[in-house]
Structure formats: C-alpha cells, structure tokens
Amino acid sequence: MPSQTTPPRIQQRLRATALLPALMLGAAATPAVAQSDNLVQPAVLVADASLSKQALDAQALAASRYGTFWNTGDEAMARQALAPTFLDKTLPGGRAQGIEGVLAASKAFRSAVPDLHCEIRQMIVAGDRVVTHLHFTGHFTGTLMGKQGQGQDIDFIATDIYRIAKGRIVENWHLEDNLSLLQQAGLAAR
C-alpha cells in the first residue's frame, strides 16, 4: 500500500465496486501512454480489470493522443486519435461534424487563447468507453466572439465520453464549463 507521501501519479491500489472491478494506476504505469513522453498523460487512470492489456493500452493511447491534440493543437495527434468516421454526439451549433469540425474548433479557440494548456486529470477506461476529466488553462489574449482579450486567466474543466473502436475514437459526448470560460473572458456576467 502506498504511503501518504507517494505522489498520485505513482500510487497503485486495487479498488473494487459492484459495477466495475477496477485497478487504479498512476499514469507512469500505463504502458501505451508512458511509451510516448510527448503525450498528455492522465494524473489518475481507473481501468476495468476485465480489459485485456492490449485493449486498455489502445484505448488509453487514443484518449491521450486526443488530450495531446487539445494541449498542443497538433493536427496529426487529432488524426491519429479520431476515426475517419468520427462523430461528435454533442455537436455545438455552427460546428462542422467530424474531424474537420474538431480541427476548426481548436484553431478558433487557440486564436483566442494561444497558450492553451490541457491536462487529463482522470481517465476511466471501461469496455469500449473512455471518460476523461480535462482541465484547461491559459490566457485570453486573442479574440473570442468579437471581443479582444486583455490577458484574462482562463481556467475551466470539461468531461468527454469516448467510444473507441480499433484504437480510435469513433464517438464523443463532450460537456465543458462554458459559463466559467465566458465569465473569465468577460463575455458573461459573474
């Protein structure tokens, strides 16, 4: 059992629930994710113990690639993470469906927050689903909804539920704290 001083990324402990026997691992123990130091790695990984190592690695890798895309804006990461038939099941109004819509959304948001940073706070892998709890930070120095930023701090969370097939995200249900983002940017009253 890890001590209180063991960093969360290193802690390993078994956790069992009636619905999901799971193994909690620090990201460093996740082979597929750890193999590429350039990928955003989850601070906490909760994995369905019934998954094969190969399935767990493939699903965690796809989710980490997508998190890395949001962290860096690297389109190659999005194309590696998303299936060619990718569907956003919570598509915002005005956004094109599929990979091209995701790429355009990232470019637009990065023009408003050029130093955007994305962390994966938690990743839960179960069956063909991966849930990620994302934390976004940066500074609003560009333009968003016609307003010029003044360097305001941006700090909000989002949650994604991915369905993974053949090592790629085929569907995503996404929910983000847009109210906090808009308030921080001065586009909504606090």
Protein backbone atom coordinates (compact mmCIF):
# COMPACT_ATOMS: atom_id res chain seq x y z
CA MET A 1 0.00 0.00 0.00
CA PRO A 2 1.48 3.42 -0.90
CA SER A 3 2.25 5.88 1.85
CA GLN A 4 0.61 9.30 2.18
CA THR A 5 3.72 10.82 0.62
CA THR A 6 3.62 8.71 -2.55
CA PRO A 7 2.75 11.02 -5.48
CA PRO A 8 -0.68 10.34 -7.03
CA ARG A 9 0.90 9.55 -10.43
CA ILE A 10 2.83 6.68 -8.85
CA GLN A 11 0.22 5.27 -6.47
CA GLN A 12 -1.11 1.84 -7.24
CA ARG A 13 -4.05 0.40 -5.36
CA LEU A 14 -6.84 -2.01 -6.01
CA ARG A 15 -10.39 -0.76 -5.90
CA ALA A 16 -13.46 -2.89 -6.34
CA THR A 17 -17.06 -1.83 -6.76
CA ALA A 18 -20.14 -3.83 -7.55
CA LEU A 19 -20.37 -2.28 -11.03
CA LEU A 20 -16.76 -2.03 -12.12
CA PRO A 21 -13.85 -4.03 -10.79
CA ALA A 22 -11.06 -1.56 -11.42
CA LEU A 23 -7.37 -1.12 -11.00
CA MET A 24 -6.24 2.42 -10.23
CA LEU A 25 -2.84 3.23 -11.64
CA GLY A 26 -0.66 6.27 -11.85
CA ALA A 27 -0.11 7.29 -15.47
CA ALA A 28 3.52 6.20 -15.34
CA ALA A 29 2.31 2.61 -15.02
CA THR A 30 0.23 2.80 -18.20
CA PRO A 31 2.49 1.21 -20.83
CA ALA A 32 0.93 2.66 -24.01
CA VAL A 33 0.71 6.13 -22.57
CA ALA A 34 4.12 6.01 -20.90
CA GLN A 35 5.86 4.91 -24.11
CA SER A 36 5.46 8.35 -25.62
CA ASP A 37 6.71 11.10 -23.34
CA ASN A 38 5.20 13.69 -25.69
CA LEU A 39 1.64 12.62 -24.89
CA VAL A 40 -0.50 14.19 -22.21
CA GLN A 41 -0.78 11.52 -19.54
CA PRO A 42 -3.62 11.14 -17.05
CA ALA A 43 -2.86 12.02 -13.44
CA VAL A 44 -5.14 9.13 -12.45
CA LEU A 45 -6.15 6.13 -14.52
CA VAL A 46 -9.02 3.88 -13.47
CA ALA A 47 -9.17 0.76 -15.62
CA ASP A 48 -11.71 -2.02 -15.93
CA ALA A 49 -9.83 -5.09 -14.69
CA SER A 50 -11.61 -7.30 -17.24
CA LEU A 51 -9.98 -5.49 -20.19
CA SER A 52 -7.00 -7.09 -21.85
CA LYS A 53 -3.74 -5.19 -21.62
CA GLN A 54 -3.89 -4.65 -25.39
CA ALA A 55 -7.40 -3.14 -25.24
CA LEU A 56 -6.52 -0.94 -22.26
CA ASP A 57 -3.35 0.31 -23.94
CA ALA A 58 -5.12 1.07 -27.24
CA GLN A 59 -7.97 2.96 -25.58
CA ALA A 60 -5.73 4.94 -23.22
CA LEU A 61 -3.45 5.78 -26.14
CA ALA A 62 -6.31 7.14 -28.27
CA ALA A 63 -7.58 9.28 -25.38
CA SER A 64 -4.07 10.55 -24.57
CA ARG A 65 -3.48 11.46 -28.21
CA TYR A 66 -6.72 13.45 -28.23
CA GLY A 67 -5.77 15.18 -24.97
CA THR A 68 -2.39 15.98 -26.50
CA PHE A 69 -4.12 17.48 -29.54
CA TRP A 70 -6.08 19.83 -27.26
CA ASN A 71 -2.91 20.66 -25.34
CA THR A 72 -0.75 21.41 -28.40
CA GLY A 73 -3.07 21.98 -31.36
CA ASP A 74 -1.09 19.31 -33.27
CA GLU A 75 -3.50 18.17 -36.00
CA ALA A 76 -1.56 14.94 -36.51
CA MET A 77 -2.50 13.92 -32.95
CA ALA A 78 -6.19 14.52 -33.68
CA ARG A 79 -5.98 12.49 -36.89
CA GLN A 80 -4.25 9.62 -35.03
CA ALA A 81 -6.81 9.71 -32.21
CA LEU A 82 -10.03 10.08 -34.21
CA ALA A 83 -11.54 7.56 -36.60
CA PRO A 84 -12.21 8.87 -40.13
CA THR A 85 -15.93 8.43 -39.36
CA PHE A 86 -15.69 10.32 -36.02
CA LEU A 87 -18.99 11.79 -34.76
CA ASP A 88 -19.39 14.47 -32.12
CA LYS A 89 -22.62 13.40 -30.38
CA THR A 90 -22.95 16.81 -28.66
CA LEU A 91 -22.07 18.94 -31.66
CA PRO A 92 -22.20 22.68 -30.86
CA GLY A 93 -24.27 24.83 -33.22
CA GLY A 94 -22.27 26.11 -36.18
CA ARG A 95 -19.53 23.49 -35.92
CA ALA A 96 -18.99 21.05 -38.78
CA GLN A 97 -19.33 17.38 -37.90
CA GLY A 98 -16.27 15.11 -37.93
CA ILE A 99 -12.54 15.64 -37.72
CA GLU A 100 -12.59 18.89 -39.71
CA GLY A 101 -15.02 20.42 -37.20
CA VAL A 102 -12.73 19.50 -34.32
CA LEU A 103 -9.69 20.96 -36.10
CA ALA A 104 -11.53 24.22 -36.83
CA ALA A 105 -12.75 24.49 -33.22
CA SER A 106 -9.21 24.02 -31.92
CA LYS A 107 -7.80 26.67 -34.27
CA ALA A 108 -10.52 29.15 -33.31
CA PHE A 109 -10.06 28.60 -29.60
CA ARG A 110 -6.27 28.74 -29.87
CA SER A 111 -6.56 32.09 -31.65
CA ALA A 112 -8.39 33.37 -28.53
CA VAL A 113 -6.18 31.53 -26.01
CA PRO A 114 -2.81 30.95 -27.74
CA ASP A 115 -1.15 29.49 -24.64
CA LEU A 116 -3.95 26.96 -24.06
CA HIS A 117 -2.90 24.06 -21.84
CA CYS A 118 -4.90 20.86 -21.37
CA GLU A 119 -4.35 18.28 -18.63
CA ILE A 120 -6.08 14.93 -18.21
CA ARG A 121 -6.89 14.88 -14.51
CA GLN A 122 -8.61 11.49 -14.63
CA MET A 123 -9.15 8.80 -17.22
CA ILE A 124 -11.60 5.94 -16.75
CA VAL A 125 -11.41 3.03 -19.19
CA ALA A 126 -14.27 0.51 -19.20
CA GLY A 127 -15.43 -1.70 -22.03
CA ASP A 128 -15.26 0.30 -25.26
CA ARG A 129 -15.61 3.63 -23.40
CA VAL A 130 -13.08 6.10 -22.05
CA VAL A 131 -14.11 9.00 -19.83
CA THR A 132 -11.66 11.87 -19.42
CA HIS A 133 -11.84 14.74 -16.93
CA LEU A 134 -9.95 17.57 -18.63
CA HIS A 135 -8.59 20.81 -17.15
CA PHE A 136 -7.92 23.74 -19.49
CA THR A 137 -5.88 26.82 -18.58
CA GLY A 138 -4.35 29.75 -20.45
CA HIS A 139 -4.74 33.46 -21.05
CA PHE A 140 -7.33 35.22 -23.21
CA THR A 141 -5.12 37.42 -25.39
CA GLY A 142 -6.77 36.90 -28.78
CA THR A 143 -10.32 37.45 -29.95
CA LEU A 144 -13.37 35.46 -28.88
CA MET A 145 -16.94 36.21 -30.02
CA GLY A 146 -15.78 39.60 -31.31
CA LYS A 147 -14.11 40.63 -28.03
CA GLN A 148 -10.38 41.27 -27.73
CA GLY A 149 -8.82 39.60 -24.70
CA GLN A 150 -6.79 41.52 -22.15
CA GLY A 151 -4.76 38.61 -20.82
CA GLN A 152 -7.50 37.28 -18.54
CA ASP A 153 -6.79 33.95 -16.85
CA ILE A 154 -8.76 31.09 -18.37
CA ASP A 155 -9.38 28.05 -16.16
CA PHE A 156 -12.22 25.58 -16.79
CA ILE A 157 -12.96 21.88 -16.89
CA ALA A 158 -14.55 19.53 -19.40
CA THR A 159 -15.62 15.90 -19.46
CA ASP A 160 -15.53 13.66 -22.52
CA ILE A 161 -17.01 10.21 -23.01
CA TYR A 162 -15.38 8.45 -25.96
CA ARG A 163 -16.44 5.26 -27.68
CA ILE A 164 -13.33 3.59 -29.01
CA ALA A 165 -13.12 1.09 -31.87
CA LYS A 166 -9.94 -0.29 -33.43
CA GLY A 167 -7.81 2.05 -31.31
CA ARG A 168 -9.56 5.26 -32.38
CA ILE A 169 -12.30 7.48 -31.02
CA VAL A 170 -15.43 6.97 -33.11
CA GLU A 171 -17.88 8.94 -30.97
CA ASN A 172 -17.57 11.67 -28.34
CA TRP A 173 -20.05 13.13 -25.87
CA HIS A 174 -18.48 16.36 -24.59
CA LEU A 175 -19.52 18.71 -21.81
CA GLU A 176 -17.48 21.76 -20.77
CA ASP A 177 -17.90 24.54 -18.26
CA ASN A 178 -18.66 27.24 -20.83
CA LEU A 179 -20.17 29.58 -18.23
CA SER A 180 -16.85 29.82 -16.35
CA LEU A 181 -14.99 30.34 -19.62
CA LEU A 182 -17.33 33.13 -20.75
CA GLN A 183 -17.25 34.82 -17.34
CA GLN A 184 -13.45 34.70 -17.23
CA ALA A 185 -13.27 36.17 -20.73
CA GLY A 186 -15.67 38.96 -19.73
CA LEU A 187 -18.37 37.73 -22.13
CA ALA A 188 -20.91 36.82 -19.43
CA ALA A 189 -21.79 38.42 -16.10
CA ARG A 190 -20.38 36.82 -12.97
